[in-house]
């Protein structure tokens, strides 16, 4: 199964529109950007947990997950920050259910 950005419109919106080439000028972490996305994109925010769950349960390897992140337009690549794509996407899914203001930023500093 090949993962295509068009199959994950909310994830594509977050990765392409929030983690663009200048994302570090706007956010101190991807988690901060993700919380901004959840607050600012209610239509997509309601879908992204299901999309993340589908991606994580697709059975694809980490290289394929990284390709999806890149193909969605992200300039953040978890492997450059010492994370696997699966670990980072799992963290985003956890943030979907965390109470606002209770999750500390855990990305390594830039």
N, C-alpha and C. Protein backbone atom coordinates (compact mmCIF):
# COMPACT_ATOMS: atom_id res chain seq x y z
N UNK A 1 0.85 -1.18 0.00
CA UNK A 1 0.00 0.00 0.00
C UNK A 1 0.89 1.24 0.00
N UNK A 2 0.68 2.09 -0.95
CA UNK A 2 1.43 3.34 -1.00
C UNK A 2 0.55 4.44 -0.42
N UNK A 3 1.15 5.22 0.46
CA UNK A 3 0.42 6.31 1.09
C UNK A 3 0.53 7.56 0.23
N UNK A 4 -0.61 8.13 -0.13
CA UNK A 4 -0.65 9.30 -0.99
C UNK A 4 -1.21 10.50 -0.21
N UNK A 5 -0.59 11.67 -0.36
CA UNK A 5 -1.09 12.86 0.35
C UNK A 5 -2.57 13.14 0.13
N UNK A 6 -3.07 12.90 -1.07
CA UNK A 6 -4.48 13.18 -1.36
C UNK A 6 -5.44 12.35 -0.50
N UNK A 7 -4.94 11.23 0.03
CA UNK A 7 -5.77 10.38 0.88
C UNK A 7 -5.84 10.90 2.33
N UNK A 8 -5.04 11.92 2.63
CA UNK A 8 -4.95 12.45 3.99
C UNK A 8 -4.97 13.98 3.95
N UNK A 9 -6.12 14.57 3.59
CA UNK A 9 -6.17 16.02 3.38
C UNK A 9 -5.85 16.85 4.63
N UNK A 10 -6.25 16.40 5.79
CA UNK A 10 -5.95 17.17 7.00
C UNK A 10 -4.46 17.11 7.32
N UNK A 11 -3.86 15.94 7.20
CA UNK A 11 -2.43 15.80 7.44
C UNK A 11 -1.65 16.62 6.41
N UNK A 12 -2.08 16.58 5.17
CA UNK A 12 -1.42 17.37 4.13
C UNK A 12 -1.53 18.87 4.43
N UNK A 13 -2.69 19.30 4.91
CA UNK A 13 -2.87 20.71 5.25
C UNK A 13 -1.91 21.10 6.37
N UNK A 14 -1.84 20.30 7.42
CA UNK A 14 -0.94 20.62 8.53
C UNK A 14 0.51 20.64 8.07
N UNK A 15 0.94 19.59 7.41
CA UNK A 15 2.35 19.49 7.04
C UNK A 15 2.77 20.54 6.02
N UNK A 16 1.92 20.79 5.04
CA UNK A 16 2.28 21.74 4.01
C UNK A 16 2.09 23.20 4.39
N UNK A 17 1.04 23.49 5.17
CA UNK A 17 0.72 24.88 5.49
C UNK A 17 1.32 25.36 6.80
N UNK A 18 1.60 24.44 7.72
CA UNK A 18 2.12 24.85 9.03
C UNK A 18 3.60 24.52 9.19
N UNK A 19 4.06 23.46 8.58
CA UNK A 19 5.48 23.10 8.68
C UNK A 19 6.20 23.38 7.37
N UNK A 20 5.94 24.56 6.84
CA UNK A 20 6.53 25.03 5.59
C UNK A 20 8.01 25.38 5.82
N UNK A 21 8.65 25.90 4.81
CA UNK A 21 10.10 26.14 4.90
C UNK A 21 10.50 27.12 5.99
N UNK A 22 9.61 27.98 6.42
CA UNK A 22 9.93 28.95 7.47
C UNK A 22 9.26 28.62 8.80
N UNK A 23 8.88 27.38 9.02
CA UNK A 23 8.12 27.04 10.22
C UNK A 23 8.87 27.39 11.50
N UNK A 24 10.19 27.32 11.50
CA UNK A 24 10.95 27.64 12.71
C UNK A 24 10.92 29.13 13.03
N UNK A 25 10.54 29.96 12.07
CA UNK A 25 10.37 31.39 12.34
C UNK A 25 9.06 31.66 13.09
N UNK A 26 8.13 30.70 13.02
CA UNK A 26 6.81 30.88 13.63
C UNK A 26 6.59 30.06 14.89
N UNK A 27 7.26 28.93 14.98
CA UNK A 27 7.03 28.00 16.09
C UNK A 27 8.36 27.55 16.69
N UNK A 28 8.33 27.28 17.99
CA UNK A 28 9.53 26.75 18.64
C UNK A 28 9.57 25.23 18.59
N UNK A 29 8.46 24.61 18.20
CA UNK A 29 8.39 23.16 18.08
C UNK A 29 7.27 22.78 17.12
N UNK A 30 7.34 21.54 16.64
CA UNK A 30 6.26 21.06 15.79
C UNK A 30 4.98 20.91 16.60
N UNK A 31 5.11 20.62 17.88
CA UNK A 31 3.93 20.50 18.73
C UNK A 31 3.21 21.83 18.84
N UNK A 32 3.95 22.91 18.94
CA UNK A 32 3.34 24.24 18.98
C UNK A 32 2.59 24.50 17.67
N UNK A 33 3.20 24.15 16.55
CA UNK A 33 2.54 24.29 15.25
C UNK A 33 1.31 23.42 15.14
N UNK A 34 1.39 22.22 15.70
CA UNK A 34 0.24 21.32 15.64
C UNK A 34 -0.92 21.85 16.47
N UNK A 35 -0.63 22.38 17.64
CA UNK A 35 -1.69 22.96 18.46
C UNK A 35 -2.32 24.16 17.75
N UNK A 36 -1.50 24.96 17.06
CA UNK A 36 -2.01 26.08 16.28
C UNK A 36 -2.93 25.57 15.17
N UNK A 37 -2.52 24.50 14.52
CA UNK A 37 -3.34 23.88 13.48
C UNK A 37 -4.68 23.41 14.06
N UNK A 38 -4.64 22.71 15.19
CA UNK A 38 -5.88 22.21 15.79
C UNK A 38 -6.82 23.36 16.16
N UNK A 39 -6.25 24.46 16.65
CA UNK A 39 -7.07 25.62 17.02
C UNK A 39 -7.58 26.38 15.80
N UNK A 40 -6.75 26.48 14.77
CA UNK A 40 -7.07 27.33 13.63
C UNK A 40 -7.77 26.65 12.47
N UNK A 41 -7.79 25.34 12.47
CA UNK A 41 -8.38 24.59 11.35
C UNK A 41 -9.39 23.57 11.89
N UNK A 42 -10.49 24.03 12.45
CA UNK A 42 -11.41 23.09 13.09
C UNK A 42 -11.93 21.99 12.15
N UNK A 43 -12.13 22.32 10.89
CA UNK A 43 -12.62 21.30 9.94
C UNK A 43 -11.59 20.19 9.76
N UNK A 44 -10.33 20.58 9.59
CA UNK A 44 -9.27 19.59 9.44
C UNK A 44 -8.87 18.97 10.78
N UNK A 45 -8.93 19.78 11.83
CA UNK A 45 -8.57 19.26 13.14
C UNK A 45 -9.43 18.09 13.57
N UNK A 46 -10.69 18.12 13.17
CA UNK A 46 -11.60 17.03 13.52
C UNK A 46 -11.26 15.75 12.75
N UNK A 47 -10.59 15.85 11.64
CA UNK A 47 -10.27 14.68 10.81
C UNK A 47 -8.89 14.10 11.07
N UNK A 48 -7.97 14.91 11.58
CA UNK A 48 -6.58 14.49 11.57
C UNK A 48 -6.30 13.29 12.47
N UNK A 49 -7.00 13.14 13.58
CA UNK A 49 -6.76 11.98 14.44
C UNK A 49 -7.05 10.68 13.68
N UNK A 50 -8.14 10.65 12.95
CA UNK A 50 -8.48 9.46 12.17
C UNK A 50 -7.45 9.21 11.08
N UNK A 51 -6.99 10.28 10.44
CA UNK A 51 -5.97 10.12 9.40
C UNK A 51 -4.66 9.61 9.99
N UNK A 52 -4.24 10.18 11.11
CA UNK A 52 -3.01 9.71 11.75
C UNK A 52 -3.13 8.24 12.15
N UNK A 53 -4.27 7.86 12.66
CA UNK A 53 -4.50 6.47 13.03
C UNK A 53 -4.39 5.56 11.80
N UNK A 54 -4.98 5.97 10.69
CA UNK A 54 -4.88 5.17 9.44
C UNK A 54 -3.45 5.05 8.97
N UNK A 55 -2.71 6.15 9.02
CA UNK A 55 -1.31 6.13 8.58
C UNK A 55 -0.50 5.19 9.49
N UNK A 56 -0.67 5.34 10.79
CA UNK A 56 0.12 4.54 11.73
C UNK A 56 -0.25 3.06 11.70
N UNK A 57 -1.47 2.75 11.32
CA UNK A 57 -1.89 1.35 11.24
C UNK A 57 -1.83 0.78 9.83
N UNK A 58 -1.20 1.51 8.93
CA UNK A 58 -1.11 1.07 7.53
C UNK A 58 -0.13 -0.08 7.34
N UNK A 59 0.74 -0.29 8.31
CA UNK A 59 1.75 -1.35 8.17
C UNK A 59 2.97 -0.92 7.38
N UNK A 60 3.00 0.34 6.97
CA UNK A 60 4.14 0.84 6.19
C UNK A 60 5.36 1.05 7.09
N UNK A 61 6.53 0.91 6.50
CA UNK A 61 7.76 1.11 7.26
C UNK A 61 8.07 2.59 7.43
N UNK A 62 9.06 2.88 8.24
CA UNK A 62 9.38 4.26 8.57
C UNK A 62 9.80 5.07 7.35
N UNK A 63 10.50 4.45 6.42
CA UNK A 63 10.92 5.17 5.21
C UNK A 63 9.70 5.63 4.40
N UNK A 64 8.67 4.81 4.34
CA UNK A 64 7.45 5.17 3.62
C UNK A 64 6.71 6.28 4.35
N UNK A 65 6.69 6.22 5.68
CA UNK A 65 6.05 7.28 6.46
C UNK A 65 6.79 8.60 6.26
N UNK A 66 8.11 8.54 6.22
CA UNK A 66 8.91 9.74 5.98
C UNK A 66 8.65 10.30 4.58
N UNK A 67 8.50 9.42 3.60
CA UNK A 67 8.15 9.87 2.25
C UNK A 67 6.80 10.59 2.24
N UNK A 68 5.83 10.07 2.99
CA UNK A 68 4.53 10.72 3.06
C UNK A 68 4.65 12.12 3.67
N UNK A 69 5.41 12.22 4.75
CA UNK A 69 5.61 13.53 5.39
C UNK A 69 6.20 14.51 4.38
N UNK A 70 7.21 14.09 3.67
CA UNK A 70 7.86 14.93 2.66
C UNK A 70 6.90 15.25 1.52
N UNK A 71 6.17 14.24 1.04
CA UNK A 71 5.25 14.43 -0.08
C UNK A 71 4.08 15.36 0.27
N UNK A 72 3.76 15.47 1.55
CA UNK A 72 2.71 16.38 1.99
C UNK A 72 3.20 17.83 2.07
N UNK A 73 4.47 18.05 1.78
CA UNK A 73 5.00 19.41 1.72
C UNK A 73 5.71 19.88 2.97
N UNK A 74 5.99 18.97 3.88
CA UNK A 74 6.63 19.35 5.13
C UNK A 74 8.12 19.65 4.95
N UNK A 75 8.55 20.69 5.62
CA UNK A 75 9.99 20.98 5.70
C UNK A 75 10.56 20.48 7.02
N UNK A 76 9.70 19.90 7.85
CA UNK A 76 10.17 19.23 9.07
C UNK A 76 10.30 17.75 8.73
N UNK A 77 11.48 17.21 8.97
CA UNK A 77 11.70 15.79 8.78
C UNK A 77 12.18 15.22 10.10
N UNK A 78 11.39 14.35 10.72
CA UNK A 78 11.70 13.87 12.07
C UNK A 78 13.08 13.25 12.21
N UNK A 79 13.53 12.56 11.16
CA UNK A 79 14.84 11.89 11.27
C UNK A 79 15.98 12.89 11.44
N UNK A 80 15.81 14.10 10.96
CA UNK A 80 16.84 15.13 11.14
C UNK A 80 16.89 15.62 12.59
N UNK A 81 15.86 15.32 13.37
CA UNK A 81 15.77 15.73 14.77
C UNK A 81 15.93 14.53 15.71
N UNK A 82 16.38 13.40 15.15
CA UNK A 82 16.62 12.22 15.97
C UNK A 82 15.39 11.40 16.30
N UNK A 83 14.32 11.59 15.55
CA UNK A 83 13.08 10.84 15.77
C UNK A 83 12.76 9.98 14.56
N UNK A 84 12.05 8.89 14.78
CA UNK A 84 11.51 8.16 13.64
C UNK A 84 10.22 8.85 13.21
N UNK A 85 9.85 8.65 11.97
CA UNK A 85 8.59 9.20 11.48
C UNK A 85 7.43 8.64 12.29
N UNK A 86 7.49 7.34 12.59
CA UNK A 86 6.41 6.70 13.35
C UNK A 86 6.28 7.30 14.75
N UNK A 87 7.40 7.52 15.41
CA UNK A 87 7.35 8.09 16.77
C UNK A 87 6.76 9.50 16.75
N UNK A 88 7.16 10.30 15.76
CA UNK A 88 6.65 11.66 15.69
C UNK A 88 5.16 11.69 15.36
N UNK A 89 4.73 10.88 14.40
CA UNK A 89 3.30 10.84 14.05
C UNK A 89 2.47 10.31 15.23
N UNK A 90 3.03 9.37 15.97
CA UNK A 90 2.35 8.87 17.17
C UNK A 90 2.18 9.99 18.18
N UNK A 91 3.20 10.81 18.33
CA UNK A 91 3.13 11.95 19.26
C UNK A 91 2.03 12.92 18.84
N UNK A 92 1.91 13.17 17.53
CA UNK A 92 0.84 14.05 17.06
C UNK A 92 -0.52 13.46 17.39
N UNK A 93 -0.67 12.16 17.22
CA UNK A 93 -1.95 11.51 17.54
C UNK A 93 -2.25 11.66 19.03
N UNK A 94 -1.24 11.51 19.88
CA UNK A 94 -1.43 11.70 21.32
C UNK A 94 -1.89 13.12 21.63
N UNK A 95 -1.36 14.10 20.91
CA UNK A 95 -1.74 15.50 21.13
C UNK A 95 -3.20 15.75 20.76
N UNK A 96 -3.74 14.96 19.87
CA UNK A 96 -5.15 15.13 19.49
C UNK A 96 -6.07 14.89 20.66
N UNK A 97 -5.66 14.08 21.61
CA UNK A 97 -6.53 13.75 22.74
C UNK A 97 -6.07 14.39 24.04
N UNK A 98 -4.92 15.07 24.03
CA UNK A 98 -4.42 15.72 25.25
C UNK A 98 -5.23 16.98 25.54
N UNK A 99 -5.42 17.24 26.79
CA UNK A 99 -6.11 18.46 27.19
C UNK A 99 -5.26 19.66 26.83
N UNK A 100 -5.84 20.73 26.30
CA UNK A 100 -5.07 21.92 25.95
C UNK A 100 -4.28 22.45 27.14
N UNK A 101 -3.03 22.80 26.88
CA UNK A 101 -2.19 23.39 27.90
C UNK A 101 -1.52 22.40 28.84
N UNK A 102 -1.75 21.09 28.61
CA UNK A 102 -1.16 20.11 29.52
C UNK A 102 0.06 19.42 28.94
N UNK A 103 0.36 19.66 27.68
CA UNK A 103 1.45 18.96 27.01
C UNK A 103 2.62 19.90 26.81
N UNK A 104 3.76 19.53 27.31
CA UNK A 104 4.96 20.35 27.14
C UNK A 104 5.54 20.10 25.75
N UNK A 105 6.20 21.11 25.21
CA UNK A 105 6.90 20.93 23.95
C UNK A 105 8.06 19.98 24.19
N UNK A 106 8.18 18.96 23.34
CA UNK A 106 9.25 17.99 23.55
C UNK A 106 10.18 17.87 22.37
N UNK A 107 9.99 18.68 21.33
CA UNK A 107 10.93 18.65 20.21
C UNK A 107 12.27 19.13 20.70
N UNK A 108 13.36 18.58 20.15
CA UNK A 108 14.67 19.12 20.50
C UNK A 108 14.78 20.56 20.04
N UNK A 109 15.60 21.37 20.71
CA UNK A 109 15.77 22.76 20.27
C UNK A 109 16.39 22.82 18.89
N UNK A 110 16.11 23.90 18.18
CA UNK A 110 16.65 24.08 16.82
C UNK A 110 18.12 24.37 16.88
